[in-house]
PDB file of N, CA and C in Angstrom:
ATOM      1  N   UNK A   1      19.453  18.288   1.842  1.00  0.00           N
ATOM      2  CA  UNK A   1      18.940  16.976   2.132  1.00  0.00           C
ATOM      3  C   UNK A   1      19.988  15.958   1.697  1.00  0.00           C
ATOM      4  N   UNK A   2      20.214  14.970   2.529  1.00  0.00           N
ATOM      5  CA  UNK A   2      21.257  14.003   2.212  1.00  0.00           C
ATOM      6  C   UNK A   2      20.811  13.050   1.110  1.00  0.00           C
ATOM      7  N   UNK A   3      21.788  12.418   0.520  1.00  0.00           N
ATOM      8  CA  UNK A   3      21.523  11.489  -0.570  1.00  0.00           C
ATOM      9  C   UNK A   3      20.689  10.305  -0.101  1.00  0.00           C
ATOM     10  N   UNK A   4      20.967   9.811   1.110  1.00  0.00           N
ATOM     11  CA  UNK A   4      20.217   8.650   1.601  1.00  0.00           C
ATOM     12  C   UNK A   4      18.748   8.988   1.835  1.00  0.00           C
ATOM     13  N   UNK A   5      18.460  10.208   2.289  1.00  0.00           N
ATOM     14  CA  UNK A   5      17.063  10.611   2.487  1.00  0.00           C
ATOM     15  C   UNK A   5      16.366  10.728   1.138  1.00  0.00           C
ATOM     16  N   UNK A   6      17.051  11.326   0.152  1.00  0.00           N
ATOM     17  CA  UNK A   6      16.463  11.435  -1.187  1.00  0.00           C
ATOM     18  C   UNK A   6      16.181  10.051  -1.765  1.00  0.00           C
ATOM     19  N   UNK A   7      17.125   9.152  -1.581  1.00  0.00           N
ATOM     20  CA  UNK A   7      16.950   7.790  -2.081  1.00  0.00           C
ATOM     21  C   UNK A   7      15.777   7.101  -1.389  1.00  0.00           C
ATOM     22  N   UNK A   8      15.673   7.285  -0.091  1.00  0.00           N
ATOM     23  CA  UNK A   8      14.566   6.691   0.658  1.00  0.00           C
ATOM     24  C   UNK A   8      13.229   7.260   0.214  1.00  0.00           C
ATOM     25  N   UNK A   9      13.190   8.568  -0.031  1.00  0.00           N
ATOM     26  CA  UNK A   9      11.954   9.193  -0.503  1.00  0.00           C
ATOM     27  C   UNK A   9      11.559   8.666  -1.882  1.00  0.00           C
ATOM     28  N   UNK A  10      12.543   8.468  -2.754  1.00  0.00           N
ATOM     29  CA  UNK A  10      12.253   7.913  -4.079  1.00  0.00           C
ATOM     30  C   UNK A  10      11.708   6.491  -3.952  1.00  0.00           C
ATOM     31  N   UNK A  11      12.336   5.699  -3.070  1.00  0.00           N
ATOM     32  CA  UNK A  11      11.872   4.326  -2.859  1.00  0.00           C
ATOM     33  C   UNK A  11      10.456   4.303  -2.297  1.00  0.00           C
ATOM     34  N   UNK A  12      10.182   5.182  -1.339  1.00  0.00           N
ATOM     35  CA  UNK A  12       8.847   5.263  -0.751  1.00  0.00           C
ATOM     36  C   UNK A  12       7.826   5.671  -1.813  1.00  0.00           C
ATOM     37  N   UNK A  13       8.188   6.636  -2.630  1.00  0.00           N
ATOM     38  CA  UNK A  13       7.289   7.093  -3.695  1.00  0.00           C
ATOM     39  C   UNK A  13       6.992   5.959  -4.676  1.00  0.00           C
ATOM     40  N   UNK A  14       8.025   5.239  -5.047  1.00  0.00           N
ATOM     41  CA  UNK A  14       7.841   4.108  -5.962  1.00  0.00           C
ATOM     42  C   UNK A  14       6.961   3.023  -5.361  1.00  0.00           C
ATOM     43  N   UNK A  15       7.167   2.745  -4.080  1.00  0.00           N
ATOM     44  CA  UNK A  15       6.353   1.728  -3.411  1.00  0.00           C
ATOM     45  C   UNK A  15       4.895   2.158  -3.332  1.00  0.00           C
ATOM     46  N   UNK A  16       4.663   3.438  -3.064  1.00  0.00           N
ATOM     47  CA  UNK A  16       3.288   3.943  -3.004  1.00  0.00           C
ATOM     48  C   UNK A  16       2.607   3.861  -4.365  1.00  0.00           C
ATOM     49  N   UNK A  17       3.343   4.195  -5.427  1.00  0.00           N
ATOM     50  CA  UNK A  17       2.774   4.098  -6.773  1.00  0.00           C
ATOM     51  C   UNK A  17       2.417   2.654  -7.104  1.00  0.00           C
ATOM     52  N   UNK A  18       3.306   1.728  -6.734  1.00  0.00           N
ATOM     53  CA  UNK A  18       3.052   0.312  -6.991  1.00  0.00           C
ATOM     54  C   UNK A  18       1.830  -0.158  -6.205  1.00  0.00           C
ATOM     55  N   UNK A  19       1.713   0.270  -4.946  1.00  0.00           N
ATOM     56  CA  UNK A  19       0.564  -0.091  -4.122  1.00  0.00           C
ATOM     57  C   UNK A  19      -0.729   0.447  -4.724  1.00  0.00           C
ATOM     58  N   UNK A  20      -0.704   1.708  -5.155  1.00  0.00           N
ATOM     59  CA  UNK A  20      -1.894   2.309  -5.759  1.00  0.00           C
ATOM     60  C   UNK A  20      -2.297   1.573  -7.031  1.00  0.00           C
ATOM     61  N   UNK A  21      -1.323   1.224  -7.870  1.00  0.00           N
ATOM     62  CA  UNK A  21      -1.623   0.489  -9.101  1.00  0.00           C
ATOM     63  C   UNK A  21      -2.231  -0.875  -8.794  1.00  0.00           C
ATOM     64  N   UNK A  22      -1.694  -1.545  -7.787  1.00  0.00           N
ATOM     65  CA  UNK A  22      -2.200  -2.861  -7.403  1.00  0.00           C
ATOM     66  C   UNK A  22      -3.628  -2.770  -6.893  1.00  0.00           C
ATOM     67  N   UNK A  23      -3.898  -1.764  -6.076  1.00  0.00           N
ATOM     68  CA  UNK A  23      -5.254  -1.583  -5.548  1.00  0.00           C
ATOM     69  C   UNK A  23      -6.239  -1.344  -6.685  1.00  0.00           C
ATOM     70  N   UNK A  24      -5.853  -0.522  -7.643  1.00  0.00           N
ATOM     71  CA  UNK A  24      -6.732  -0.242  -8.785  1.00  0.00           C
ATOM     72  C   UNK A  24      -7.000  -1.515  -9.572  1.00  0.00           C
ATOM     73  N   UNK A  25      -5.950  -2.308  -9.864  1.00  0.00           N
ATOM     74  CA  UNK A  25      -6.171  -3.515 -10.658  1.00  0.00           C
ATOM     75  C   UNK A  25      -6.976  -4.563  -9.912  1.00  0.00           C
ATOM     76  N   UNK A  26      -6.739  -4.727  -8.618  1.00  0.00           N
ATOM     77  CA  UNK A  26      -7.511  -5.701  -7.842  1.00  0.00           C
ATOM     78  C   UNK A  26      -8.973  -5.271  -7.755  1.00  0.00           C
ATOM     79  N   UNK A  27      -9.202  -3.988  -7.569  1.00  0.00           N
ATOM     80  CA  UNK A  27     -10.579  -3.481  -7.515  1.00  0.00           C
ATOM     81  C   UNK A  27     -11.298  -3.724  -8.836  1.00  0.00           C
ATOM     82  N   UNK A  28     -10.606  -3.506  -9.936  1.00  0.00           N
ATOM     83  CA  UNK A  28     -11.212  -3.726 -11.252  1.00  0.00           C
ATOM     84  C   UNK A  28     -11.547  -5.197 -11.457  1.00  0.00           C
ATOM     85  N   UNK A  29     -10.664  -6.081 -11.033  1.00  0.00           N
ATOM     86  CA  UNK A  29     -10.909  -7.517 -11.173  1.00  0.00           C
ATOM     87  C   UNK A  29     -12.116  -7.930 -10.334  1.00  0.00           C
ATOM     88  N   UNK A  30     -12.196  -7.416  -9.114  1.00  0.00           N
ATOM     89  CA  UNK A  30     -13.314  -7.770  -8.238  1.00  0.00           C
ATOM     90  C   UNK A  30     -14.640  -7.250  -8.792  1.00  0.00           C
ATOM     91  N   UNK A  31     -14.621  -6.089  -9.427  1.00  0.00           N
ATOM     92  CA  UNK A  31     -15.853  -5.544 -10.004  1.00  0.00           C
ATOM     93  C   UNK A  31     -16.314  -6.376 -11.195  1.00  0.00           C
ATOM     94  N   UNK A  32     -15.360  -6.898 -11.977  1.00  0.00           N
ATOM     95  CA  UNK A  32     -15.691  -7.679 -13.163  1.00  0.00           C
ATOM     96  C   UNK A  32     -16.186  -9.076 -12.808  1.00  0.00           C
ATOM     97  N   UNK A  33     -15.628  -9.644 -11.762  1.00  0.00           N
ATOM     98  CA  UNK A  33     -15.924 -11.032 -11.423  1.00  0.00           C
ATOM     99  C   UNK A  33     -17.392 -11.204 -11.054  1.00  0.00           C
ATOM    100  N   UNK A  34     -17.977 -12.222 -11.630  1.00  0.00           N
ATOM    101  CA  UNK A  34     -19.364 -12.531 -11.308  1.00  0.00           C
ATOM    102  C   UNK A  34     -19.354 -13.510 -10.145  1.00  0.00           C
ATOM    103  N   UNK A  35     -20.176 -13.247  -9.160  1.00  0.00           N
ATOM    104  CA  UNK A  35     -20.250 -14.143  -8.020  1.00  0.00           C
ATOM    105  C   UNK A  35     -20.835 -15.481  -8.459  1.00  0.00           C
ATOM    106  N   UNK A  36     -20.198 -16.538  -8.021  1.00  0.00           N
ATOM    107  CA  UNK A  36     -20.682 -17.877  -8.301  1.00  0.00           C
ATOM    108  C   UNK A  36     -21.618 -18.274  -7.170  1.00  0.00           C
ATOM    109  N   UNK A  37     -22.858 -18.495  -7.495  1.00  0.00           N
ATOM    110  CA  UNK A  37     -23.858 -18.782  -6.468  1.00  0.00           C
ATOM    111  C   UNK A  37     -23.678 -20.154  -5.826  1.00  0.00           C
ATOM    112  N   UNK A  38     -22.928 -21.037  -6.465  1.00  0.00           N
ATOM    113  CA  UNK A  38     -22.803 -22.399  -5.962  1.00  0.00           C
ATOM    114  C   UNK A  38     -21.431 -22.698  -5.370  1.00  0.00           C
ATOM    115  N   UNK A  39     -20.570 -21.740  -5.348  1.00  0.00           N
ATOM    116  CA  UNK A  39     -19.227 -21.990  -4.814  1.00  0.00           C
ATOM    117  C   UNK A  39     -19.183 -21.730  -3.315  1.00  0.00           C
ATOM    118  N   UNK A  40     -18.185 -22.290  -2.711  1.00  0.00           N
ATOM    119  CA  UNK A  40     -17.965 -22.088  -1.277  1.00  0.00           C
ATOM    120  C   UNK A  40     -17.091 -20.849  -1.127  1.00  0.00           C
ATOM    121  N   UNK A  41     -17.458 -19.930  -0.244  1.00  0.00           N
ATOM    122  CA  UNK A  41     -16.625 -18.731  -0.059  1.00  0.00           C
ATOM    123  C   UNK A  41     -15.207 -19.113   0.374  1.00  0.00           C
ATOM    124  N   UNK A  42     -14.250 -18.440  -0.208  1.00  0.00           N
ATOM    125  CA  UNK A  42     -12.853 -18.723   0.124  1.00  0.00           C
ATOM    126  C   UNK A  42     -12.457 -18.013   1.400  1.00  0.00           C
ATOM    127  N   UNK A  43     -11.604 -18.678   2.147  1.00  0.00           N
ATOM    128  CA  UNK A  43     -11.063 -18.050   3.343  1.00  0.00           C
ATOM    129  C   UNK A  43     -10.053 -16.994   2.922  1.00  0.00           C
ATOM    130  N   UNK A  44      -9.907 -15.943   3.725  1.00  0.00           N
ATOM    131  CA  UNK A  44      -8.886 -14.937   3.400  1.00  0.00           C
ATOM    132  C   UNK A  44      -7.501 -15.582   3.400  1.00  0.00           C
ATOM    133  N   UNK A  45      -6.697 -15.227   2.440  1.00  0.00           N
ATOM    134  CA  UNK A  45      -5.356 -15.798   2.363  1.00  0.00           C
ATOM    135  C   UNK A  45      -4.381 -14.987   3.197  1.00  0.00           C
ATOM    136  N   UNK A  46      -3.203 -15.532   3.349  1.00  0.00           N
ATOM    137  CA  UNK A  46      -2.165 -14.847   4.119  1.00  0.00           C
ATOM    138  C   UNK A  46      -1.716 -13.577   3.413  1.00  0.00           C
ATOM    139  N   UNK A  47      -1.986 -13.479   2.109  1.00  0.00           N
ATOM    140  CA  UNK A  47      -1.568 -12.303   1.350  1.00  0.00           C
ATOM    141  C   UNK A  47      -2.555 -11.151   1.439  1.00  0.00           C
ATOM    142  N   UNK A  48      -3.754 -11.410   1.973  1.00  0.00           N
ATOM    143  CA  UNK A  48      -4.721 -10.326   2.133  1.00  0.00           C
ATOM    144  C   UNK A  48      -4.174  -9.320   3.133  1.00  0.00           C
ATOM    145  N   UNK A  49      -4.329  -8.039   2.827  1.00  0.00           N
ATOM    146  CA  UNK A  49      -3.772  -6.998   3.680  1.00  0.00           C
ATOM    147  C   UNK A  49      -4.879  -6.243   4.392  1.00  0.00           C
ATOM    148  N   UNK A  50      -4.607  -5.894   5.622  1.00  0.00           N
ATOM    149  CA  UNK A  50      -5.542  -5.097   6.400  1.00  0.00           C
ATOM    150  C   UNK A  50      -5.315  -3.633   6.043  1.00  0.00           C
ATOM    151  N   UNK A  51      -6.332  -3.004   5.483  1.00  0.00           N
ATOM    152  CA  UNK A  51      -6.161  -1.628   5.006  1.00  0.00           C
ATOM    153  C   UNK A  51      -5.843  -0.666   6.145  1.00  0.00           C
ATOM    154  N   UNK A  52      -6.394  -0.900   7.325  1.00  0.00           N
ATOM    155  CA  UNK A  52      -6.096  -0.018   8.455  1.00  0.00           C
ATOM    156  C   UNK A  52      -4.641  -0.162   8.890  1.00  0.00           C
ATOM    157  N   UNK A  53      -4.123  -1.372   8.859  1.00  0.00           N
ATOM    158  CA  UNK A  53      -2.726  -1.593   9.227  1.00  0.00           C
ATOM    159  C   UNK A  53      -1.795  -0.934   8.213  1.00  0.00           C
ATOM    160  N   UNK A  54      -2.135  -1.044   6.936  1.00  0.00           N
ATOM    161  CA  UNK A  54      -1.320  -0.412   5.894  1.00  0.00           C
ATOM    162  C   UNK A  54      -1.349   1.100   6.052  1.00  0.00           C
ATOM    163  N   UNK A  55      -2.533   1.657   6.281  1.00  0.00           N
ATOM    164  CA  UNK A  55      -2.655   3.106   6.461  1.00  0.00           C
ATOM    165  C   UNK A  55      -1.849   3.569   7.662  1.00  0.00           C
ATOM    166  N   UNK A  56      -1.880   2.801   8.726  1.00  0.00           N
ATOM    167  CA  UNK A  56      -1.126   3.153   9.929  1.00  0.00           C
ATOM    168  C   UNK A  56       0.378   3.143   9.655  1.00  0.00           C
ATOM    169  N   UNK A  57       0.851   2.122   8.943  1.00  0.00           N
ATOM    170  CA  UNK A  57       2.283   2.042   8.624  1.00  0.00           C
ATOM    171  C   UNK A  57       2.709   3.182   7.707  1.00  0.00           C
ATOM    172  N   UNK A  58       1.863   3.515   6.730  1.00  0.00           N
ATOM    173  CA  UNK A  58       2.187   4.628   5.835  1.00  0.00           C
ATOM    174  C   UNK A  58       2.205   5.951   6.591  1.00  0.00           C
ATOM    175  N   UNK A  59       1.229   6.157   7.475  1.00  0.00           N
ATOM    176  CA  UNK A  59       1.208   7.379   8.285  1.00  0.00           C
ATOM    177  C   UNK A  59       2.467   7.495   9.130  1.00  0.00           C
ATOM    178  N   UNK A  60       2.883   6.373   9.700  1.00  0.00           N
ATOM    179  CA  UNK A  60       4.095   6.364  10.519  1.00  0.00           C
ATOM    180  C   UNK A  60       5.328   6.698   9.679  1.00  0.00           C
ATOM    181  N   UNK A  61       5.418   6.104   8.498  1.00  0.00           N
ATOM    182  CA  UNK A  61       6.563   6.371   7.618  1.00  0.00           C
ATOM    183  C   UNK A  61       6.593   7.832   7.192  1.00  0.00           C
ATOM    184  N   UNK A  62       5.434   8.378   6.859  1.00  0.00           N
ATOM    185  CA  UNK A  62       5.358   9.782   6.449  1.00  0.00           C
ATOM    186  C   UNK A  62       5.758  10.696   7.596  1.00  0.00           C
ATOM    187  N   UNK A  63       5.299  10.386   8.804  1.00  0.00           N
ATOM    188  CA  UNK A  63       5.650  11.201   9.970  1.00  0.00           C
ATOM    189  C   UNK A  63       7.156  11.181  10.219  1.00  0.00           C
ATOM    190  N   UNK A  64       7.772  10.015  10.054  1.00  0.00           N
ATOM    191  CA  UNK A  64       9.222   9.910  10.252  1.00  0.00           C
ATOM    192  C   UNK A  64       9.979  10.731   9.210  1.00  0.00           C
ATOM    193  N   UNK A  65       9.529  10.664   7.963  1.00  0.00           N
ATOM    194  CA  UNK A  65      10.182  11.430   6.897  1.00  0.00           C
ATOM    195  C   UNK A  65      10.028  12.924   7.148  1.00  0.00           C
ATOM    196  N   UNK A  66       8.824  13.345   7.545  1.00  0.00           N
ATOM    197  CA  UNK A  66       8.608  14.767   7.835  1.00  0.00           C
ATOM    198  C   UNK A  66       9.494  15.231   8.981  1.00  0.00           C
ATOM    199  N   UNK A  67       9.657  14.388   9.993  1.00  0.00           N
ATOM    200  CA  UNK A  67      10.519  14.735  11.126  1.00  0.00           C
ATOM    201  C   UNK A  67      11.969  14.877  10.664  1.00  0.00           C
ATOM    202  N   UNK A  68      12.422  13.937   9.830  1.00  0.00           N
ATOM    203  CA  UNK A  68      13.792  14.010   9.308  1.00  0.00           C
ATOM    204  C   UNK A  68      14.002  15.274   8.479  1.00  0.00           C
ATOM    205  N   UNK A  69      13.011  15.623   7.682  1.00  0.00           N
ATOM    206  CA  UNK A  69      13.136  16.817   6.848  1.00  0.00           C
ATOM    207  C   UNK A  69      13.165  18.090   7.691  1.00  0.00           C
ATOM    208  N   UNK A  70      12.390  18.125   8.768  1.00  0.00           N
ATOM    209  CA  UNK A  70      12.411  19.298   9.656  1.00  0.00           C
ATOM    210  C   UNK A  70      13.756  19.420  10.361  1.00  0.00           C
ATOM    211  N   UNK A  71      14.320  18.289  10.775  1.00  0.00           N
ATOM    212  CA  UNK A  71      15.601  18.310  11.489  1.00  0.00           C
ATOM    213  C   UNK A  71      16.755  18.626  10.549  1.00  0.00           C
ATOM    214  N   UNK A  72      16.666  18.151   9.316  1.00  0.00           N
ATOM    215  CA  UNK A  72      17.773  18.290   8.378  1.00  0.00           C
ATOM    216  C   UNK A  72      17.652  19.536   7.618  1.00  0.00           C
TER     217      UNK A  72
END
């Protein structure tokens, strides 16, 4: 396996770990937060991520890596 593929796999692994940690912390914050009955619901921000889109991108990246590993 080439050095660039190994480096890319390490970067992908690190990004996935960071994503998983972020999801866990955001979920914990949302569970702790008490709903304010008198507040106006906030609109989704530009930073909100679509989980289906993220899953699709990750599936695509994994498929590409698997293809590279089979070829190499």
